[in-house]
Amino acid sequence: MRDGPRIPAAFLGHGSPMNALEHNRYTDAWRLFGDTIPRPRAILAVSAHWYINATAVTAQATPPTIHDFYG
């Protein structure tokens, strides 16, 4: 492995989908976080809500939105 610039990494739990519409201290903290990190060139999303009997990787420039609002 070569030494190179460190890539910022963060583990973020999404919480309630309503957080996208709310304005409070929690959402203000998210906005501040987004304003203080470099714009990512890629995002890795890992979900425990997608169940299949295999290992799978989705790699698309514009993946579809998966709505999972059922508990």
PDB file of N, CA and C in Angstrom:
ATOM      1  N   MET A   1       0.822  -1.183   0.000  1.00  0.00           N
ATOM      2  CA  MET A   1       0.000   0.000   0.000  1.00  0.00           C
ATOM      3  C   MET A   1       0.866   1.246   0.000  1.00  0.00           C
ATOM      4  N   ARG A   2       0.488   2.231  -0.765  1.00  0.00           N
ATOM      5  CA  ARG A   2       1.233   3.488  -0.810  1.00  0.00           C
ATOM      6  C   ARG A   2       0.705   4.443   0.242  1.00  0.00           C
ATOM      7  N   ASP A   3       1.603   5.292   0.716  1.00  0.00           N
ATOM      8  CA  ASP A   3       1.154   6.383   1.577  1.00  0.00           C
ATOM      9  C   ASP A   3       0.543   7.451   0.684  1.00  0.00           C
ATOM     10  N   GLY A   4      -0.525   8.019   1.124  1.00  0.00           N
ATOM     11  CA  GLY A   4      -1.177   9.065   0.352  1.00  0.00           C
ATOM     12  C   GLY A   4      -2.031   9.909   1.264  1.00  0.00           C
ATOM     13  N   PRO A   5      -2.793  10.817   0.686  1.00  0.00           N
ATOM     14  CA  PRO A   5      -3.641  11.659   1.527  1.00  0.00           C
ATOM     15  C   PRO A   5      -4.702  10.820   2.232  1.00  0.00           C
ATOM     16  N   ARG A   6      -5.006  11.195   3.446  1.00  0.00           N
ATOM     17  CA  ARG A   6      -6.058  10.498   4.184  1.00  0.00           C
ATOM     18  C   ARG A   6      -7.417  10.893   3.628  1.00  0.00           C
ATOM     19  N   ILE A   7      -8.272   9.917   3.515  1.00  0.00           N
ATOM     20  CA  ILE A   7      -9.625  10.149   3.030  1.00  0.00           C
ATOM     21  C   ILE A   7     -10.535  10.302   4.242  1.00  0.00           C
ATOM     22  N   PRO A   8     -11.284  11.405   4.339  1.00  0.00           N
ATOM     23  CA  PRO A   8     -12.204  11.538   5.469  1.00  0.00           C
ATOM     24  C   PRO A   8     -13.228  10.408   5.450  1.00  0.00           C
ATOM     25  N   ALA A   9     -13.508   9.862   6.600  1.00  0.00           N
ATOM     26  CA  ALA A   9     -14.491   8.787   6.704  1.00  0.00           C
ATOM     27  C   ALA A   9     -15.374   9.051   7.913  1.00  0.00           C
ATOM     28  N   ALA A  10     -16.647   8.695   7.786  1.00  0.00           N
ATOM     29  CA  ALA A  10     -17.584   8.874   8.899  1.00  0.00           C
ATOM     30  C   ALA A  10     -18.621   7.768   8.833  1.00  0.00           C
ATOM     31  N   PHE A  11     -19.037   7.275   9.993  1.00  0.00           N
ATOM     32  CA  PHE A  11     -20.161   6.349  10.064  1.00  0.00           C
ATOM     33  C   PHE A  11     -21.359   7.167  10.502  1.00  0.00           C
ATOM     34  N   LEU A  12     -22.405   7.155   9.707  1.00  0.00           N
ATOM     35  CA  LEU A  12     -23.579   7.976   9.987  1.00  0.00           C
ATOM     36  C   LEU A  12     -24.832   7.118   9.935  1.00  0.00           C
ATOM     37  N   GLY A  13     -25.563   7.068  11.024  1.00  0.00           N
ATOM     38  CA  GLY A  13     -26.867   6.418  11.026  1.00  0.00           C
ATOM     39  C   GLY A  13     -27.907   7.421  10.547  1.00  0.00           C
ATOM     40  N   HIS A  14     -28.840   6.991   9.724  1.00  0.00           N
ATOM     41  CA  HIS A  14     -29.768   7.944   9.111  1.00  0.00           C
ATOM     42  C   HIS A  14     -30.866   8.429  10.042  1.00  0.00           C
ATOM     43  N   GLY A  15     -31.251   7.648  11.036  1.00  0.00           N
ATOM     44  CA  GLY A  15     -32.356   8.075  11.897  1.00  0.00           C
ATOM     45  C   GLY A  15     -33.662   8.115  11.123  1.00  0.00           C
ATOM     46  N   SER A  16     -34.557   8.944  11.552  1.00  0.00           N
ATOM     47  CA  SER A  16     -35.874   9.061  10.920  1.00  0.00           C
ATOM     48  C   SER A  16     -35.777   9.761   9.571  1.00  0.00           C
ATOM     49  N   PRO A  17     -36.538   9.308   8.563  1.00  0.00           N
ATOM     50  CA  PRO A  17     -36.556  10.022   7.286  1.00  0.00           C
ATOM     51  C   PRO A  17     -37.089  11.445   7.434  1.00  0.00           C
ATOM     52  N   MET A  18     -37.836  11.712   8.497  1.00  0.00           N
ATOM     53  CA  MET A  18     -38.373  13.055   8.713  1.00  0.00           C
ATOM     54  C   MET A  18     -37.262  14.070   8.975  1.00  0.00           C
ATOM     55  N   ASN A  19     -36.068  13.612   9.318  1.00  0.00           N
ATOM     56  CA  ASN A  19     -34.962  14.541   9.547  1.00  0.00           C
ATOM     57  C   ASN A  19     -34.648  15.367   8.305  1.00  0.00           C
ATOM     58  N   ALA A  20     -34.999  14.872   7.137  1.00  0.00           N
ATOM     59  CA  ALA A  20     -34.777  15.632   5.909  1.00  0.00           C
ATOM     60  C   ALA A  20     -35.675  16.861   5.836  1.00  0.00           C
ATOM     61  N   LEU A  21     -36.775  16.865   6.596  1.00  0.00           N
ATOM     62  CA  LEU A  21     -37.740  17.965   6.550  1.00  0.00           C
ATOM     63  C   LEU A  21     -37.709  18.857   7.781  1.00  0.00           C
ATOM     64  N   GLU A  22     -37.104  18.384   8.854  1.00  0.00           N
ATOM     65  CA  GLU A  22     -37.114  19.120  10.125  1.00  0.00           C
ATOM     66  C   GLU A  22     -36.057  20.219  10.145  1.00  0.00           C
ATOM     67  N   HIS A  23     -36.234  21.167  11.066  1.00  0.00           N
ATOM     68  CA  HIS A  23     -35.208  22.170  11.355  1.00  0.00           C
ATOM     69  C   HIS A  23     -35.101  22.266  12.868  1.00  0.00           C
ATOM     70  N   ASN A  24     -33.999  21.732  13.408  1.00  0.00           N
ATOM     71  CA  ASN A  24     -33.781  21.742  14.851  1.00  0.00           C
ATOM     72  C   ASN A  24     -32.278  21.608  15.113  1.00  0.00           C
ATOM     73  N   ARG A  25     -31.886  21.448  16.371  1.00  0.00           N
ATOM     74  CA  ARG A  25     -30.456  21.351  16.698  1.00  0.00           C
ATOM     75  C   ARG A  25     -29.805  20.151  16.012  1.00  0.00           C
ATOM     76  N   TYR A  26     -30.542  19.062  15.907  1.00  0.00           N
ATOM     77  CA  TYR A  26     -30.017  17.858  15.268  1.00  0.00           C
ATOM     78  C   TYR A  26     -29.723  18.117  13.789  1.00  0.00           C
ATOM     79  N   THR A  27     -30.694  18.691  13.086  1.00  0.00           N
ATOM     80  CA  THR A  27     -30.496  18.940  11.659  1.00  0.00           C
ATOM     81  C   THR A  27     -29.473  20.050  11.429  1.00  0.00           C
ATOM     82  N   ASP A  28     -29.400  21.021  12.349  1.00  0.00           N
ATOM     83  CA  ASP A  28     -28.362  22.055  12.247  1.00  0.00           C
ATOM     84  C   ASP A  28     -26.973  21.429  12.346  1.00  0.00           C
ATOM     85  N   ALA A  29     -26.819  20.428  13.224  1.00  0.00           N
ATOM     86  CA  ALA A  29     -25.532  19.746  13.368  1.00  0.00           C
ATOM     87  C   ALA A  29     -25.172  19.001  12.083  1.00  0.00           C
ATOM     88  N   TRP A  30     -26.155  18.381  11.440  1.00  0.00           N
ATOM     89  CA  TRP A  30     -25.908  17.711  10.158  1.00  0.00           C
ATOM     90  C   TRP A  30     -25.437  18.720   9.113  1.00  0.00           C
ATOM     91  N   ARG A  31     -26.108  19.873   9.055  1.00  0.00           N
ATOM     92  CA  ARG A  31     -25.741  20.886   8.061  1.00  0.00           C
ATOM     93  C   ARG A  31     -24.309  21.378   8.313  1.00  0.00           C
ATOM     94  N   LEU A  32     -23.969  21.624   9.571  1.00  0.00           N
ATOM     95  CA  LEU A  32     -22.619  22.063   9.913  1.00  0.00           C
ATOM     96  C   LEU A  32     -21.592  21.003   9.514  1.00  0.00           C
ATOM     97  N   PHE A  33     -21.894  19.745   9.782  1.00  0.00           N
ATOM     98  CA  PHE A  33     -20.997  18.653   9.391  1.00  0.00           C
ATOM     99  C   PHE A  33     -20.774  18.673   7.877  1.00  0.00           C
ATOM    100  N   GLY A  34     -21.864  18.791   7.116  1.00  0.00           N
ATOM    101  CA  GLY A  34     -21.751  18.813   5.659  1.00  0.00           C
ATOM    102  C   GLY A  34     -20.975  20.007   5.137  1.00  0.00           C
ATOM    103  N   ASP A  35     -21.089  21.141   5.830  1.00  0.00           N
ATOM    104  CA  ASP A  35     -20.386  22.351   5.404  1.00  0.00           C
ATOM    105  C   ASP A  35     -18.898  22.321   5.736  1.00  0.00           C
ATOM    106  N   THR A  36     -18.476  21.441   6.650  1.00  0.00           N
ATOM    107  CA  THR A  36     -17.082  21.452   7.095  1.00  0.00           C
ATOM    108  C   THR A  36     -16.226  20.336   6.498  1.00  0.00           C
ATOM    109  N   ILE A  37     -16.815  19.413   5.749  1.00  0.00           N
ATOM    110  CA  ILE A  37     -16.019  18.345   5.139  1.00  0.00           C
ATOM    111  C   ILE A  37     -15.894  18.595   3.638  1.00  0.00           C
ATOM    112  N   PRO A  38     -14.839  18.079   3.011  1.00  0.00           N
ATOM    113  CA  PRO A  38     -14.721  18.222   1.556  1.00  0.00           C
ATOM    114  C   PRO A  38     -15.849  17.469   0.849  1.00  0.00           C
ATOM    115  N   ARG A  39     -16.220  17.949  -0.327  1.00  0.00           N
ATOM    116  CA  ARG A  39     -17.254  17.261  -1.107  1.00  0.00           C
ATOM    117  C   ARG A  39     -16.718  15.892  -1.519  1.00  0.00           C
ATOM    118  N   PRO A  40     -17.454  14.817  -1.194  1.00  0.00           N
ATOM    119  CA  PRO A  40     -16.945  13.476  -1.527  1.00  0.00           C
ATOM    120  C   PRO A  40     -17.006  13.197  -3.023  1.00  0.00           C
ATOM    121  N   ARG A  41     -16.062  12.414  -3.493  1.00  0.00           N
ATOM    122  CA  ARG A  41     -16.103  11.933  -4.875  1.00  0.00           C
ATOM    123  C   ARG A  41     -16.888  10.637  -4.965  1.00  0.00           C
ATOM    124  N   ALA A  42     -17.070   9.970  -3.836  1.00  0.00           N
ATOM    125  CA  ALA A  42     -17.817   8.711  -3.794  1.00  0.00           C
ATOM    126  C   ALA A  42     -18.407   8.548  -2.401  1.00  0.00           C
ATOM    127  N   ILE A  43     -19.508   7.814  -2.320  1.00  0.00           N
ATOM    128  CA  ILE A  43     -20.155   7.509  -1.045  1.00  0.00           C
ATOM    129  C   ILE A  43     -20.418   6.012  -1.012  1.00  0.00           C
ATOM    130  N   LEU A  44     -20.026   5.371   0.076  1.00  0.00           N
ATOM    131  CA  LEU A  44     -20.325   3.959   0.291  1.00  0.00           C
ATOM    132  C   LEU A  44     -21.479   3.891   1.277  1.00  0.00           C
ATOM    133  N   ALA A  45     -22.585   3.314   0.873  1.00  0.00           N
ATOM    134  CA  ALA A  45     -23.749   3.160   1.748  1.00  0.00           C
ATOM    135  C   ALA A  45     -23.940   1.680   2.050  1.00  0.00           C
ATOM    136  N   VAL A  46     -24.032   1.350   3.323  1.00  0.00           N
ATOM    137  CA  VAL A  46     -24.248  -0.023   3.768  1.00  0.00           C
ATOM    138  C   VAL A  46     -25.568  -0.044   4.509  1.00  0.00           C
ATOM    139  N   SER A  47     -26.460  -0.954   4.130  1.00  0.00           N
ATOM    140  CA  SER A  47     -27.787  -0.996   4.734  1.00  0.00           C
ATOM    141  C   SER A  47     -28.096  -2.377   5.282  1.00  0.00           C
ATOM    142  N   ALA A  48     -28.662  -2.400   6.468  1.00  0.00           N
ATOM    143  CA  ALA A  48     -29.131  -3.656   7.055  1.00  0.00           C
ATOM    144  C   ALA A  48     -30.570  -3.939   6.641  1.00  0.00           C
ATOM    145  N   HIS A  49     -31.163  -3.063   5.858  1.00  0.00           N
ATOM    146  CA  HIS A  49     -32.566  -3.206   5.465  1.00  0.00           C
ATOM    147  C   HIS A  49     -32.750  -3.950   4.150  1.00  0.00           C
ATOM    148  N   TRP A  50     -31.689  -4.344   3.518  1.00  0.00           N
ATOM    149  CA  TRP A  50     -31.775  -5.003   2.217  1.00  0.00           C
ATOM    150  C   TRP A  50     -31.387  -6.454   2.407  1.00  0.00           C
ATOM    151  N   TYR A  51     -32.341  -7.343   2.309  1.00  0.00           N
ATOM    152  CA  TYR A  51     -32.109  -8.765   2.570  1.00  0.00           C
ATOM    153  C   TYR A  51     -32.147  -9.566   1.277  1.00  0.00           C
ATOM    154  N   ILE A  52     -31.035 -10.209   0.953  1.00  0.00           N
ATOM    155  CA  ILE A  52     -30.990 -11.181  -0.135  1.00  0.00           C
ATOM    156  C   ILE A  52     -30.094 -12.322   0.332  1.00  0.00           C
ATOM    157  N   ASN A  53     -30.200 -13.449  -0.301  1.00  0.00           N
ATOM    158  CA  ASN A  53     -29.428 -14.621   0.097  1.00  0.00           C
ATOM    159  C   ASN A  53     -28.111 -14.682  -0.674  1.00  0.00           C
ATOM    160  N   ALA A  54     -27.359 -13.560  -0.650  1.00  0.00           N
ATOM    161  CA  ALA A  54     -26.087 -13.495  -1.363  1.00  0.00           C
ATOM    162  C   ALA A  54     -25.369 -12.212  -0.961  1.00  0.00           C
ATOM    163  N   THR A  55     -24.143 -12.082  -1.396  1.00  0.00           N
ATOM    164  CA  THR A  55     -23.422 -10.824  -1.255  1.00  0.00           C
ATOM    165  C   THR A  55     -23.613 -10.058  -2.552  1.00  0.00           C
ATOM    166  N   ALA A  56     -23.942  -8.773  -2.462  1.00  0.00           N
ATOM    167  CA  ALA A  56     -24.215  -7.999  -3.669  1.00  0.00           C
ATOM    168  C   ALA A  56     -23.629  -6.600  -3.539  1.00  0.00           C
ATOM    169  N   VAL A  57     -23.251  -6.032  -4.674  1.00  0.00           N
ATOM    170  CA  VAL A  57     -22.738  -4.668  -4.729  1.00  0.00           C
ATOM    171  C   VAL A  57     -23.494  -3.936  -5.826  1.00  0.00           C
ATOM    172  N   THR A  58     -23.980  -2.750  -5.521  1.00  0.00           N
ATOM    173  CA  THR A  58     -24.622  -1.905  -6.521  1.00  0.00           C
ATOM    174  C   THR A  58     -23.656  -0.784  -6.864  1.00  0.00           C
ATOM    175  N   ALA A  59     -23.348  -0.604  -8.124  1.00  0.00           N
ATOM    176  CA  ALA A  59     -22.431   0.454  -8.555  1.00  0.00           C
ATOM    177  C   ALA A  59     -23.056   1.172  -9.741  1.00  0.00           C
ATOM    178  N   GLN A  60     -23.645   2.325  -9.464  1.00  0.00           N
ATOM    179  CA  GLN A  60     -24.288   3.117 -10.507  1.00  0.00           C
ATOM    180  C   GLN A  60     -23.990   4.587 -10.258  1.00  0.00           C
ATOM    181  N   ALA A  61     -23.967   5.364 -11.309  1.00  0.00           N
ATOM    182  CA  ALA A  61     -23.772   6.805 -11.148  1.00  0.00           C
ATOM    183  C   ALA A  61     -24.972   7.436 -10.452  1.00  0.00           C
ATOM    184  N   THR A  62     -26.170   6.955 -10.761  1.00  0.00           N
ATOM    185  CA  THR A  62     -27.393   7.489 -10.146  1.00  0.00           C
ATOM    186  C   THR A  62     -28.289   6.330  -9.724  1.00  0.00           C
ATOM    187  N   PRO A  63     -27.983   5.706  -8.577  1.00  0.00           N
ATOM    188  CA  PRO A  63     -28.806   4.574  -8.136  1.00  0.00           C
ATOM    189  C   PRO A  63     -30.214   5.025  -7.761  1.00  0.00           C
ATOM    190  N   PRO A  64     -31.202   4.147  -7.911  1.00  0.00           N
ATOM    191  CA  PRO A  64     -32.576   4.513  -7.563  1.00  0.00           C
ATOM    192  C   PRO A  64     -32.731   4.638  -6.049  1.00  0.00           C
ATOM    193  N   THR A  65     -33.698   5.423  -5.639  1.00  0.00           N
ATOM    194  CA  THR A  65     -34.012   5.557  -4.220  1.00  0.00           C
ATOM    195  C   THR A  65     -34.803   4.341  -3.769  1.00  0.00           C
ATOM    196  N   ILE A  66     -34.417   3.768  -2.642  1.00  0.00           N
ATOM    197  CA  ILE A  66     -35.140   2.633  -2.072  1.00  0.00           C
ATOM    198  C   ILE A  66     -35.877   3.139  -0.841  1.00  0.00           C
ATOM    199  N   HIS A  67     -37.197   3.099  -0.865  1.00  0.00           N
ATOM    200  CA  HIS A  67     -38.000   3.574   0.260  1.00  0.00           C
ATOM    201  C   HIS A  67     -38.260   2.422   1.222  1.00  0.00           C
ATOM    202  N   ASP A  68     -37.844   2.602   2.463  1.00  0.00           N
ATOM    203  CA  ASP A  68     -37.985   1.572   3.492  1.00  0.00           C
ATOM    204  C   ASP A  68     -38.593   2.223   4.729  1.00  0.00           C
ATOM    205  N   PHE A  69     -39.890   2.465   4.698  1.00  0.00           N
ATOM    206  CA  PHE A  69     -40.561   3.166   5.790  1.00  0.00           C
ATOM    207  C   PHE A  69     -41.419   2.234   6.632  1.00  0.00           C
ATOM    208  N   TYR A  70     -41.243   0.939   6.513  1.00  0.00           N
ATOM    209  CA  TYR A  70     -42.145  -0.001   7.172  1.00  0.00           C
ATOM    210  C   TYR A  70     -41.506  -0.671   8.380  1.00  0.00           C
ATOM    211  N   GLY A  71     -40.997   0.076   9.331  1.00  0.00           N
ATOM    212  CA  GLY A  71     -40.489  -0.514  10.574  1.00  0.00           C
ATOM    213  C   GLY A  71     -39.385  -1.401  10.383  1.00  0.00           C
TER     214      GLY A  71
END
